[in-house]
Amino acid sequence: MKRVALEKRKTAETDITVKINLDGKGKSRISSGIGFLDHMLELFAKHSLMDLEISAKGDVHVDYHHTVEDIGIVMGLAMRKALGNKSEITRFHSARVPMDEALVEASLDISGRPYLDYRIKTRQIKLGDFNVTLVKEFMRAFVMNSGVTLHLALVYGEDAHHICEAVFKSLAKVFREAVKIDKRVKGAPSTKGSL
């Protein structure tokens, strides 16, 4: 069974298409009009080994908020669809990922219950024209629409760029492991019988 999904969303503010292949090779083609976000999502694809295509047009002349949040929404919906009934997945994973002086910890449960615990703070608010607080907005939208429980915590770090990279790389690492198929698991990995 192919774990591939295509999702589209068009509003007065954004027009977004996301295609994801959970069993890819880490290839990406991403165009959002926001260079920093493109870079972070390319990192996610590379380190999760998921193929990811994102085409987004948004009102970036206003600011980046709508585009960042809506990409999170559509990517979350695509992830949920690609996971299907979650049969035979590993489900849980935690990882600590360093990026130079920064260390970020991520813990994931593909639970069907959306929850985000986000404990990432940076002294620097802006990276070029990108507001670092938008990373949390992306994660919230992604989590709520993918239906996962995600905890992200900065263990330590100073440089905001390094911290953001470690956030997306740790996200990639936990998804890479949690979506893996384990043939010993019969059906959904839950005593309830479904996720």
N, C-alpha and C. Protein backbone atom coordinates (compact mmCIF):
# COMPACT_ATOMS: atom_id res chain seq x y z
N MET A 1 0.83 -1.18 0.00
CA MET A 1 0.00 0.00 0.00
C MET A 1 0.87 1.25 0.00
N LYS A 2 0.65 2.13 -0.96
CA LYS A 2 1.44 3.37 -1.04
C LYS A 2 0.93 4.36 -0.02
N ARG A 3 1.87 4.93 0.73
CA ARG A 3 1.51 5.93 1.74
C ARG A 3 1.86 7.31 1.18
N VAL A 4 1.04 7.72 0.25
CA VAL A 4 1.23 8.98 -0.47
C VAL A 4 -0.06 9.77 -0.37
N ALA A 5 0.05 11.09 -0.24
CA ALA A 5 -1.16 11.91 -0.18
C ALA A 5 -0.92 13.25 -0.85
N LEU A 6 -1.99 13.78 -1.42
CA LEU A 6 -1.99 15.10 -2.04
C LEU A 6 -3.12 15.90 -1.40
N GLU A 7 -2.81 17.09 -0.92
CA GLU A 7 -3.83 17.96 -0.32
C GLU A 7 -3.70 19.36 -0.90
N LYS A 8 -4.85 20.02 -1.07
CA LYS A 8 -4.88 21.39 -1.59
C LYS A 8 -5.80 22.22 -0.71
N ARG A 9 -5.45 23.49 -0.61
CA ARG A 9 -6.30 24.42 0.15
C ARG A 9 -6.16 25.80 -0.47
N LYS A 10 -7.30 26.41 -0.77
CA LYS A 10 -7.28 27.74 -1.36
C LYS A 10 -8.21 28.64 -0.56
N THR A 11 -7.68 29.78 -0.12
CA THR A 11 -8.48 30.78 0.59
C THR A 11 -8.21 32.13 -0.07
N ALA A 12 -8.81 33.17 0.48
CA ALA A 12 -8.57 34.52 -0.03
C ALA A 12 -7.14 34.96 0.26
N GLU A 13 -6.46 34.26 1.20
CA GLU A 13 -5.10 34.65 1.60
C GLU A 13 -4.01 33.76 1.02
N THR A 14 -4.32 32.48 0.79
CA THR A 14 -3.29 31.54 0.34
C THR A 14 -3.85 30.52 -0.65
N ASP A 15 -2.94 29.94 -1.41
CA ASP A 15 -3.26 28.85 -2.35
C ASP A 15 -2.12 27.84 -2.22
N ILE A 16 -2.41 26.70 -1.60
CA ILE A 16 -1.35 25.77 -1.21
C ILE A 16 -1.66 24.35 -1.67
N THR A 17 -0.63 23.69 -2.20
CA THR A 17 -0.69 22.28 -2.57
C THR A 17 0.48 21.56 -1.91
N VAL A 18 0.20 20.44 -1.26
CA VAL A 18 1.23 19.63 -0.62
C VAL A 18 1.08 18.19 -1.07
N LYS A 19 2.18 17.58 -1.47
CA LYS A 19 2.22 16.15 -1.77
C LYS A 19 3.31 15.54 -0.90
N ILE A 20 2.98 14.43 -0.25
CA ILE A 20 3.93 13.78 0.64
C ILE A 20 3.94 12.27 0.39
N ASN A 21 5.13 11.70 0.43
CA ASN A 21 5.32 10.25 0.30
C ASN A 21 6.11 9.81 1.53
N LEU A 22 5.45 9.09 2.43
CA LEU A 22 6.10 8.68 3.67
C LEU A 22 7.26 7.72 3.45
N ASP A 23 7.24 7.01 2.34
CA ASP A 23 8.27 6.01 2.06
C ASP A 23 9.16 6.45 0.91
N GLY A 24 9.54 7.71 0.94
CA GLY A 24 10.36 8.27 -0.13
C GLY A 24 11.85 8.15 0.12
N LYS A 25 12.58 9.07 -0.45
CA LYS A 25 14.04 9.08 -0.34
C LYS A 25 14.57 10.41 0.20
N GLY A 26 13.65 11.28 0.63
CA GLY A 26 14.07 12.57 1.17
C GLY A 26 14.18 13.66 0.13
N LYS A 27 13.52 13.45 -1.01
CA LYS A 27 13.56 14.47 -2.06
C LYS A 27 12.54 15.56 -1.75
N SER A 28 12.86 16.79 -2.16
CA SER A 28 11.91 17.88 -1.92
C SER A 28 11.91 18.86 -3.07
N ARG A 29 10.75 19.46 -3.26
CA ARG A 29 10.58 20.58 -4.19
C ARG A 29 9.62 21.53 -3.50
N ILE A 30 10.17 22.60 -2.95
CA ILE A 30 9.38 23.47 -2.08
C ILE A 30 9.51 24.91 -2.54
N SER A 31 8.36 25.56 -2.69
CA SER A 31 8.33 26.96 -3.09
C SER A 31 7.19 27.65 -2.35
N SER A 32 7.55 28.43 -1.34
CA SER A 32 6.54 29.12 -0.54
C SER A 32 6.63 30.64 -0.64
N GLY A 33 7.71 31.13 -1.24
CA GLY A 33 7.95 32.56 -1.23
C GLY A 33 8.61 33.03 0.05
N ILE A 34 8.92 32.07 0.95
CA ILE A 34 9.58 32.38 2.23
C ILE A 34 10.83 31.51 2.30
N GLY A 35 11.95 32.10 1.97
CA GLY A 35 13.19 31.33 1.85
C GLY A 35 13.57 30.53 3.08
N PHE A 36 13.43 31.13 4.26
CA PHE A 36 13.81 30.44 5.49
C PHE A 36 12.93 29.21 5.71
N LEU A 37 11.62 29.35 5.50
CA LEU A 37 10.72 28.22 5.67
C LEU A 37 11.02 27.12 4.65
N ASP A 38 11.29 27.51 3.42
CA ASP A 38 11.66 26.52 2.40
C ASP A 38 12.86 25.69 2.87
N HIS A 39 13.85 26.37 3.42
CA HIS A 39 15.05 25.70 3.91
C HIS A 39 14.71 24.71 5.03
N MET A 40 13.87 25.12 5.97
CA MET A 40 13.49 24.25 7.09
C MET A 40 12.72 23.02 6.59
N LEU A 41 11.84 23.21 5.62
CA LEU A 41 11.05 22.09 5.11
C LEU A 41 11.90 21.16 4.24
N GLU A 42 12.89 21.70 3.57
CA GLU A 42 13.85 20.85 2.85
C GLU A 42 14.62 19.98 3.83
N LEU A 43 15.01 20.56 4.99
CA LEU A 43 15.68 19.78 6.04
C LEU A 43 14.77 18.66 6.54
N PHE A 44 13.49 19.01 6.75
CA PHE A 44 12.54 17.99 7.22
C PHE A 44 12.48 16.82 6.23
N ALA A 45 12.33 17.12 4.95
CA ALA A 45 12.24 16.06 3.94
C ALA A 45 13.51 15.21 3.93
N LYS A 46 14.66 15.87 3.89
CA LYS A 46 15.95 15.17 3.81
C LYS A 46 16.14 14.19 4.97
N HIS A 47 15.84 14.65 6.18
CA HIS A 47 16.15 13.84 7.36
C HIS A 47 15.02 12.90 7.77
N SER A 48 13.82 13.12 7.25
CA SER A 48 12.73 12.17 7.50
C SER A 48 12.69 11.07 6.44
N LEU A 49 13.40 11.30 5.33
CA LEU A 49 13.36 10.42 4.16
C LEU A 49 11.98 10.39 3.51
N MET A 50 11.19 11.42 3.75
CA MET A 50 9.91 11.56 3.07
C MET A 50 10.11 12.45 1.87
N ASP A 51 9.44 12.14 0.78
CA ASP A 51 9.44 13.04 -0.37
C ASP A 51 8.35 14.08 -0.12
N LEU A 52 8.70 15.34 -0.36
CA LEU A 52 7.79 16.43 -0.02
C LEU A 52 7.78 17.48 -1.12
N GLU A 53 6.60 17.75 -1.64
CA GLU A 53 6.43 18.82 -2.63
C GLU A 53 5.44 19.82 -2.07
N ILE A 54 5.84 21.08 -2.05
CA ILE A 54 4.96 22.14 -1.56
C ILE A 54 5.01 23.30 -2.52
N SER A 55 3.84 23.70 -2.95
CA SER A 55 3.69 24.91 -3.77
C SER A 55 2.73 25.83 -3.03
N ALA A 56 3.21 27.01 -2.67
CA ALA A 56 2.38 27.92 -1.89
C ALA A 56 2.49 29.34 -2.43
N LYS A 57 1.33 29.95 -2.57
CA LYS A 57 1.26 31.37 -2.90
C LYS A 57 0.43 32.01 -1.81
N GLY A 58 0.96 33.07 -1.22
CA GLY A 58 0.24 33.71 -0.13
C GLY A 58 0.45 35.21 -0.12
N ASP A 59 -0.23 35.86 0.80
CA ASP A 59 -0.15 37.31 0.91
C ASP A 59 1.09 37.72 1.71
N VAL A 60 2.25 37.31 1.22
CA VAL A 60 3.51 37.59 1.91
C VAL A 60 3.84 39.08 1.91
N HIS A 61 3.16 39.86 1.07
CA HIS A 61 3.35 41.31 1.10
C HIS A 61 2.76 41.91 2.38
N VAL A 62 1.82 41.20 3.00
CA VAL A 62 1.26 41.63 4.28
C VAL A 62 2.22 41.23 5.39
N ASP A 63 2.39 39.93 5.54
CA ASP A 63 3.44 39.31 6.36
C ASP A 63 3.43 37.82 6.06
N TYR A 64 4.22 37.05 6.78
CA TYR A 64 4.36 35.62 6.47
C TYR A 64 3.38 34.74 7.24
N HIS A 65 2.63 35.31 8.17
CA HIS A 65 1.84 34.49 9.10
C HIS A 65 0.85 33.57 8.40
N HIS A 66 0.02 34.11 7.50
CA HIS A 66 -1.01 33.29 6.86
C HIS A 66 -0.39 32.14 6.07
N THR A 67 0.68 32.43 5.34
CA THR A 67 1.31 31.41 4.50
C THR A 67 1.94 30.31 5.35
N VAL A 68 2.66 30.70 6.40
CA VAL A 68 3.31 29.71 7.27
C VAL A 68 2.26 28.83 7.94
N GLU A 69 1.23 29.44 8.51
CA GLU A 69 0.19 28.68 9.20
C GLU A 69 -0.55 27.76 8.24
N ASP A 70 -0.89 28.27 7.06
CA ASP A 70 -1.66 27.46 6.11
C ASP A 70 -0.84 26.31 5.53
N ILE A 71 0.46 26.50 5.36
CA ILE A 71 1.31 25.38 4.95
C ILE A 71 1.29 24.31 6.04
N GLY A 72 1.34 24.72 7.29
CA GLY A 72 1.24 23.77 8.40
C GLY A 72 -0.07 23.00 8.36
N ILE A 73 -1.16 23.70 8.07
CA ILE A 73 -2.48 23.05 7.99
C ILE A 73 -2.48 22.00 6.88
N VAL A 74 -2.06 22.39 5.68
CA VAL A 74 -2.14 21.48 4.53
C VAL A 74 -1.16 20.33 4.67
N MET A 75 0.04 20.61 5.19
CA MET A 75 1.01 19.53 5.40
C MET A 75 0.49 18.55 6.45
N GLY A 76 -0.18 19.06 7.48
CA GLY A 76 -0.78 18.19 8.49
C GLY A 76 -1.87 17.31 7.91
N LEU A 77 -2.73 17.89 7.09
CA LEU A 77 -3.79 17.10 6.45
C LEU A 77 -3.21 16.02 5.53
N ALA A 78 -2.15 16.38 4.80
CA ALA A 78 -1.50 15.41 3.91
C ALA A 78 -0.87 14.28 4.72
N MET A 79 -0.22 14.62 5.84
CA MET A 79 0.39 13.60 6.70
C MET A 79 -0.68 12.65 7.23
N ARG A 80 -1.79 13.21 7.70
CA ARG A 80 -2.87 12.38 8.24
C ARG A 80 -3.41 11.42 7.17
N LYS A 81 -3.62 11.95 5.97
CA LYS A 81 -4.15 11.13 4.88
C LYS A 81 -3.15 10.03 4.49
N ALA A 82 -1.86 10.38 4.40
CA ALA A 82 -0.84 9.40 4.01
C ALA A 82 -0.71 8.29 5.05
N LEU A 83 -0.93 8.60 6.31
CA LEU A 83 -0.85 7.59 7.37
C LEU A 83 -2.02 6.60 7.32
N GLY A 84 -3.12 6.98 6.69
CA GLY A 84 -4.26 6.08 6.56
C GLY A 84 -4.77 5.61 7.91
N ASN A 85 -4.95 4.30 8.06
CA ASN A 85 -5.46 3.77 9.32
C ASN A 85 -4.34 3.49 10.33
N LYS A 86 -3.12 3.87 9.98
CA LYS A 86 -1.94 3.77 10.86
C LYS A 86 -1.58 2.32 11.20
N SER A 87 -2.02 1.41 10.37
CA SER A 87 -1.75 0.00 10.58
C SER A 87 -0.25 -0.29 10.53
N GLU A 88 0.23 -1.01 11.53
CA GLU A 88 1.60 -1.54 11.61
C GLU A 88 2.68 -0.48 11.80
N ILE A 89 2.32 0.77 12.12
CA ILE A 89 3.36 1.78 12.34
C ILE A 89 3.99 1.60 13.72
N THR A 90 5.19 2.14 13.87
CA THR A 90 5.88 2.10 15.16
C THR A 90 5.20 3.01 16.18
N ARG A 91 4.66 4.11 15.74
CA ARG A 91 3.83 5.06 16.48
C ARG A 91 4.60 6.07 17.32
N PHE A 92 5.50 5.66 18.21
CA PHE A 92 6.19 6.57 19.12
C PHE A 92 7.65 6.74 18.72
N HIS A 93 8.20 7.90 19.01
CA HIS A 93 9.65 8.06 18.96
C HIS A 93 10.05 9.36 19.63
N SER A 94 11.23 9.34 20.21
CA SER A 94 11.85 10.54 20.78
C SER A 94 13.26 10.64 20.25
N ALA A 95 13.73 11.88 20.10
CA ALA A 95 15.10 12.09 19.59
C ALA A 95 15.64 13.42 20.09
N ARG A 96 16.93 13.45 20.33
CA ARG A 96 17.64 14.69 20.61
C ARG A 96 18.53 14.96 19.41
N VAL A 97 18.45 16.17 18.88
CA VAL A 97 19.23 16.52 17.70
C VAL A 97 20.06 17.77 17.99
N PRO A 98 21.38 17.68 17.80
CA PRO A 98 22.22 18.86 17.98
C PRO A 98 22.40 19.61 16.66
N MET A 99 22.59 20.90 16.77
CA MET A 99 23.02 21.74 15.65
C MET A 99 24.00 22.73 16.24
N ASP A 100 25.28 22.43 16.09
CA ASP A 100 26.34 23.21 16.72
C ASP A 100 26.08 23.33 18.23
N GLU A 101 25.89 24.55 18.74
CA GLU A 101 25.74 24.72 20.20
C GLU A 101 24.32 24.43 20.69
N ALA A 102 23.38 24.22 19.77
CA ALA A 102 21.97 24.03 20.14
C ALA A 102 21.63 22.54 20.20
N LEU A 103 20.77 22.21 21.15
CA LEU A 103 20.27 20.83 21.29
C LEU A 103 18.77 20.89 21.52
N VAL A 104 18.02 20.19 20.67
CA VAL A 104 16.56 20.16 20.76
C VAL A 104 16.09 18.73 20.90
N GLU A 105 15.09 18.55 21.75
CA GLU A 105 14.49 17.23 21.96
C GLU A 105 13.06 17.23 21.42
N ALA A 106 12.73 16.19 20.68
CA ALA A 106 11.37 16.02 20.16
C ALA A 106 10.85 14.65 20.58
N SER A 107 9.57 14.61 20.95
CA SER A 107 8.90 13.35 21.26
C SER A 107 7.57 13.34 20.53
N LEU A 108 7.29 12.23 19.88
CA LEU A 108 6.11 12.13 19.01
C LEU A 108 5.30 10.89 19.34
N ASP A 109 3.98 11.07 19.34
CA ASP A 109 3.03 9.96 19.41
C ASP A 109 2.02 10.19 18.29
N ILE A 110 1.99 9.29 17.32
CA ILE A 110 0.99 9.38 16.24
C ILE A 110 -0.29 8.79 16.80
N SER A 111 -0.97 9.60 17.59
CA SER A 111 -2.01 9.14 18.49
C SER A 111 -3.43 9.33 17.99
N GLY A 112 -3.62 10.24 17.02
CA GLY A 112 -4.97 10.63 16.65
C GLY A 112 -5.50 11.74 17.56
N ARG A 113 -4.71 12.12 18.57
CA ARG A 113 -5.10 13.18 19.49
C ARG A 113 -4.11 14.34 19.35
N PRO A 114 -4.53 15.44 18.76
CA PRO A 114 -3.60 16.55 18.53
C PRO A 114 -3.26 17.29 19.82
N TYR A 115 -1.95 17.43 20.06
CA TYR A 115 -1.48 18.18 21.21
C TYR A 115 -0.06 18.65 20.92
N LEU A 116 0.21 19.91 21.20
CA LEU A 116 1.55 20.46 21.03
C LEU A 116 2.03 21.04 22.34
N ASP A 117 3.19 20.58 22.80
CA ASP A 117 3.90 21.21 23.91
C ASP A 117 5.18 21.79 23.32
N TYR A 118 5.27 23.10 23.28
CA TYR A 118 6.34 23.79 22.55
C TYR A 118 7.16 24.62 23.54
N ARG A 119 8.35 24.14 23.87
CA ARG A 119 9.21 24.83 24.83
C ARG A 119 10.51 25.27 24.16
N ILE A 120 10.33 26.08 23.12
CA ILE A 120 11.46 26.60 22.36
C ILE A 120 11.43 28.12 22.50
N LYS A 121 12.51 28.68 23.05
CA LYS A 121 12.61 30.13 23.16
C LYS A 121 13.96 30.56 22.63
N THR A 122 13.94 31.66 21.91
CA THR A 122 15.19 32.24 21.39
C THR A 122 15.27 33.70 21.80
N ARG A 123 16.48 34.19 21.99
CA ARG A 123 16.67 35.61 22.28
C ARG A 123 16.44 36.44 21.02
N GLN A 124 16.82 35.87 19.91
CA GLN A 124 16.70 36.56 18.61
C GLN A 124 15.32 36.27 18.04
N ILE A 125 14.58 37.31 17.69
CA ILE A 125 13.22 37.15 17.17
C ILE A 125 13.21 37.06 15.64
N LYS A 126 14.10 37.78 15.00
CA LYS A 126 14.10 37.84 13.53
C LYS A 126 15.35 37.16 12.97
N LEU A 127 15.12 36.36 11.92
CA LEU A 127 16.20 35.81 11.10
C LEU A 127 15.97 36.38 9.71
N GLY A 128 16.71 37.41 9.36
CA GLY A 128 16.40 38.15 8.13
C GLY A 128 15.04 38.78 8.31
N ASP A 129 14.11 38.46 7.40
CA ASP A 129 12.75 38.99 7.51
C ASP A 129 11.77 37.96 8.07
N PHE A 130 12.28 36.85 8.59
CA PHE A 130 11.44 35.78 9.15
C PHE A 130 11.35 35.92 10.66
N ASN A 131 10.14 35.97 11.19
CA ASN A 131 9.91 36.04 12.62
C ASN A 131 9.92 34.62 13.19
N VAL A 132 10.83 34.35 14.10
CA VAL A 132 11.04 33.00 14.64
C VAL A 132 9.78 32.47 15.35
N THR A 133 8.93 33.35 15.85
CA THR A 133 7.71 32.89 16.52
C THR A 133 6.77 32.15 15.56
N LEU A 134 6.97 32.34 14.26
CA LEU A 134 6.13 31.64 13.27
C LEU A 134 6.41 30.13 13.23
N VAL A 135 7.56 29.70 13.74
CA VAL A 135 7.84 28.26 13.80
C VAL A 135 6.79 27.59 14.70
N LYS A 136 6.46 28.23 15.81
CA LYS A 136 5.43 27.67 16.70
C LYS A 136 4.07 27.65 15.99
N GLU A 137 3.76 28.70 15.24
CA GLU A 137 2.49 28.74 14.51
C GLU A 137 2.41 27.61 13.49
N PHE A 138 3.53 27.35 12.80
CA PHE A 138 3.58 26.24 11.85
C PHE A 138 3.32 24.92 12.58
N MET A 139 4.04 24.70 13.68
CA MET A 139 3.93 23.44 14.42
C MET A 139 2.52 23.24 14.95
N ARG A 140 1.90 24.30 15.46
CA ARG A 140 0.54 24.18 15.99
C ARG A 140 -0.43 23.75 14.88
N ALA A 141 -0.33 24.41 13.74
CA ALA A 141 -1.22 24.08 12.62
C ALA A 141 -0.98 22.66 12.12
N PHE A 142 0.29 22.27 12.04
CA PHE A 142 0.66 20.93 11.57
C PHE A 142 0.13 19.86 12.52
N VAL A 143 0.33 20.05 13.81
CA VAL A 143 -0.09 19.08 14.82
C VAL A 143 -1.61 18.94 14.84
N MET A 144 -2.32 20.06 14.84
CA MET A 144 -3.79 20.03 14.93
C MET A 144 -4.40 19.31 13.73
N ASN A 145 -3.77 19.43 12.57
CA ASN A 145 -4.34 18.84 11.36
C ASN A 145 -3.81 17.45 11.04
N SER A 146 -2.66 17.09 11.59
CA SER A 146 -2.16 15.72 11.40
C SER A 146 -2.69 14.79 12.49
N GLY A 147 -3.12 15.36 13.61
CA GLY A 147 -3.66 14.54 14.70
C GLY A 147 -2.60 13.79 15.48
N VAL A 148 -1.47 14.46 15.74
CA VAL A 148 -0.39 13.83 16.50
C VAL A 148 -0.15 14.60 17.79
N THR A 149 0.50 13.93 18.72
CA THR A 149 0.98 14.58 19.94
C THR A 149 2.47 14.83 19.75
N LEU A 150 2.88 16.08 19.91
CA LEU A 150 4.28 16.46 19.68
C LEU A 150 4.77 17.34 20.81
N HIS A 151 5.90 16.94 21.39
CA HIS A 151 6.57 17.74 22.41
C HIS A 151 7.91 18.18 21.83
N LEU A 152 8.18 19.48 21.87
CA LEU A 152 9.45 20.04 21.40
C LEU A 152 10.04 20.88 22.52
N ALA A 153 11.30 20.62 22.85
CA ALA A 153 11.94 21.36 23.94
C ALA A 153 13.37 21.70 23.58
N LEU A 154 13.73 22.94 23.84
CA LEU A 154 15.12 23.37 23.70
C LEU A 154 15.86 22.97 24.96
N VAL A 155 16.83 22.08 24.83
CA VAL A 155 17.65 21.68 25.97
C VAL A 155 18.60 22.82 26.30
N TYR A 156 19.30 23.32 25.28
CA TYR A 156 20.10 24.53 25.38
C TYR A 156 20.48 25.00 23.99
N GLY A 157 20.93 26.24 23.90
CA GLY A 157 21.31 26.80 22.62
C GLY A 157 21.22 28.30 22.64
N GLU A 158 21.91 28.94 21.70
CA GLU A 158 21.94 30.41 21.65
C GLU A 158 21.52 30.96 20.30
N ASP A 159 22.07 30.42 19.23
CA ASP A 159 21.81 30.96 17.90
C ASP A 159 20.43 30.52 17.40
N ALA A 160 19.59 31.49 17.05
CA ALA A 160 18.21 31.18 16.66
C ALA A 160 18.14 30.32 15.41
N HIS A 161 19.04 30.54 14.46
CA HIS A 161 19.04 29.73 13.23
C HIS A 161 19.35 28.27 13.58
N HIS A 162 20.36 28.07 14.43
CA HIS A 162 20.72 26.71 14.82
C HIS A 162 19.57 26.04 15.59
N ILE A 163 18.91 26.80 16.44
CA ILE A 163 17.79 26.25 17.21
C ILE A 163 16.66 25.83 16.27
N CYS A 164 16.32 26.68 15.32
CA CYS A 164 15.24 26.34 14.37
C CYS A 164 15.61 25.11 13.54
N GLU A 165 16.86 25.04 13.10
CA GLU A 165 17.29 23.86 12.33
C GLU A 165 17.15 22.60 13.18
N ALA A 166 17.57 22.68 14.43
CA ALA A 166 17.47 21.50 15.30
C ALA A 166 16.02 21.12 15.53
N VAL A 167 15.11 22.11 15.59
CA VAL A 167 13.68 21.82 15.74
C VAL A 167 13.18 21.00 14.55
N PHE A 168 13.47 21.46 13.33
CA PHE A 168 12.96 20.76 12.14
C PHE A 168 13.66 19.42 11.92
N LYS A 169 14.94 19.34 12.25
CA LYS A 169 15.65 18.06 12.12
C LYS A 169 15.15 17.06 13.15
N SER A 170 14.86 17.52 14.36
CA SER A 170 14.34 16.59 15.37
C SER A 170 12.92 16.13 14.99
N LEU A 171 12.14 17.05 14.42
CA LEU A 171 10.81 16.67 13.91
C LEU A 171 10.95 15.59 12.84
N ALA A 172 11.90 15.79 11.94
CA ALA A 172 12.14 14.81 10.88
C ALA A 172 12.53 13.46 11.46
N LYS A 173 13.41 13.48 12.43
CA LYS A 173 13.92 12.23 13.00
C LYS A 173 12.81 11.43 13.68
N VAL A 174 11.95 12.11 14.46
CA VAL A 174 10.90 11.36 15.15
C VAL A 174 9.86 10.83 14.17
N PHE A 175 9.55 11.60 13.13
CA PHE A 175 8.60 11.09 12.13
C PHE A 175 9.20 9.93 11.35
N ARG A 176 10.47 10.05 10.99
CA ARG A 176 11.13 8.97 10.24
C ARG A 176 10.99 7.63 10.97
N GLU A 177 11.16 7.65 12.28
CA GLU A 177 11.11 6.41 13.06
C GLU A 177 9.67 6.00 13.39
N ALA A 178 8.81 6.97 13.71
CA ALA A 178 7.45 6.64 14.16
C ALA A 178 6.56 6.12 13.03
N VAL A 179 6.82 6.51 11.79
CA VAL A 179 5.98 6.02 10.68
C VAL A 179 6.48 4.70 10.11
N LYS A 180 7.61 4.22 10.60
CA LYS A 180 8.14 2.94 10.09
C LYS A 180 7.13 1.82 10.30
N ILE A 181 7.10 0.93 9.33
CA ILE A 181 6.24 -0.26 9.42
C ILE A 181 6.97 -1.34 10.22
N ASP A 182 6.26 -1.90 11.18
CA ASP A 182 6.76 -3.02 11.98
C ASP A 182 5.78 -4.17 11.78
N LYS A 183 6.19 -5.18 11.04
CA LYS A 183 5.30 -6.29 10.67
C LYS A 183 4.84 -7.11 11.88
N ARG A 184 5.51 -6.94 13.02
CA ARG A 184 5.06 -7.64 14.23
C ARG A 184 3.78 -7.02 14.78
N VAL A 185 3.54 -5.77 14.40
CA VAL A 185 2.32 -5.09 14.85
C VAL A 185 1.17 -5.50 13.94
N LYS A 186 0.09 -5.91 14.52
CA LYS A 186 -1.10 -6.29 13.75
C LYS A 186 -2.14 -5.19 13.91
N GLY A 187 -2.48 -4.54 12.80
CA GLY A 187 -3.43 -3.44 12.85
C GLY A 187 -2.79 -2.20 13.45
N ALA A 188 -3.62 -1.35 14.06
CA ALA A 188 -3.12 -0.13 14.69
C ALA A 188 -2.45 -0.45 16.01
N PRO A 189 -1.33 0.20 16.32
CA PRO A 189 -0.61 -0.08 17.57
C PRO A 189 -1.28 0.59 18.78
N SER A 190 -2.42 0.05 19.16
CA SER A 190 -3.18 0.59 20.29
C SER A 190 -4.04 -0.51 20.87
N THR A 191 -4.18 -0.52 22.20
CA THR A 191 -5.07 -1.49 22.83
C THR A 191 -6.53 -1.22 22.48
N LYS A 192 -6.81 0.00 21.98
CA LYS A 192 -8.18 0.33 21.56
C LYS A 192 -8.52 -0.31 20.22
N GLY A 193 -7.47 -0.64 19.45
CA GLY A 193 -7.69 -1.24 18.12
C GLY A 193 -7.70 -0.24 17.01
N SER A 194 -7.67 1.06 17.34
CA SER A 194 -7.60 2.09 16.31
C SER A 194 -6.97 3.35 16.90
N LEU A 195 -6.44 4.18 16.01
CA LEU A 195 -5.85 5.45 16.42
C LEU A 195 -6.57 6.57 15.71
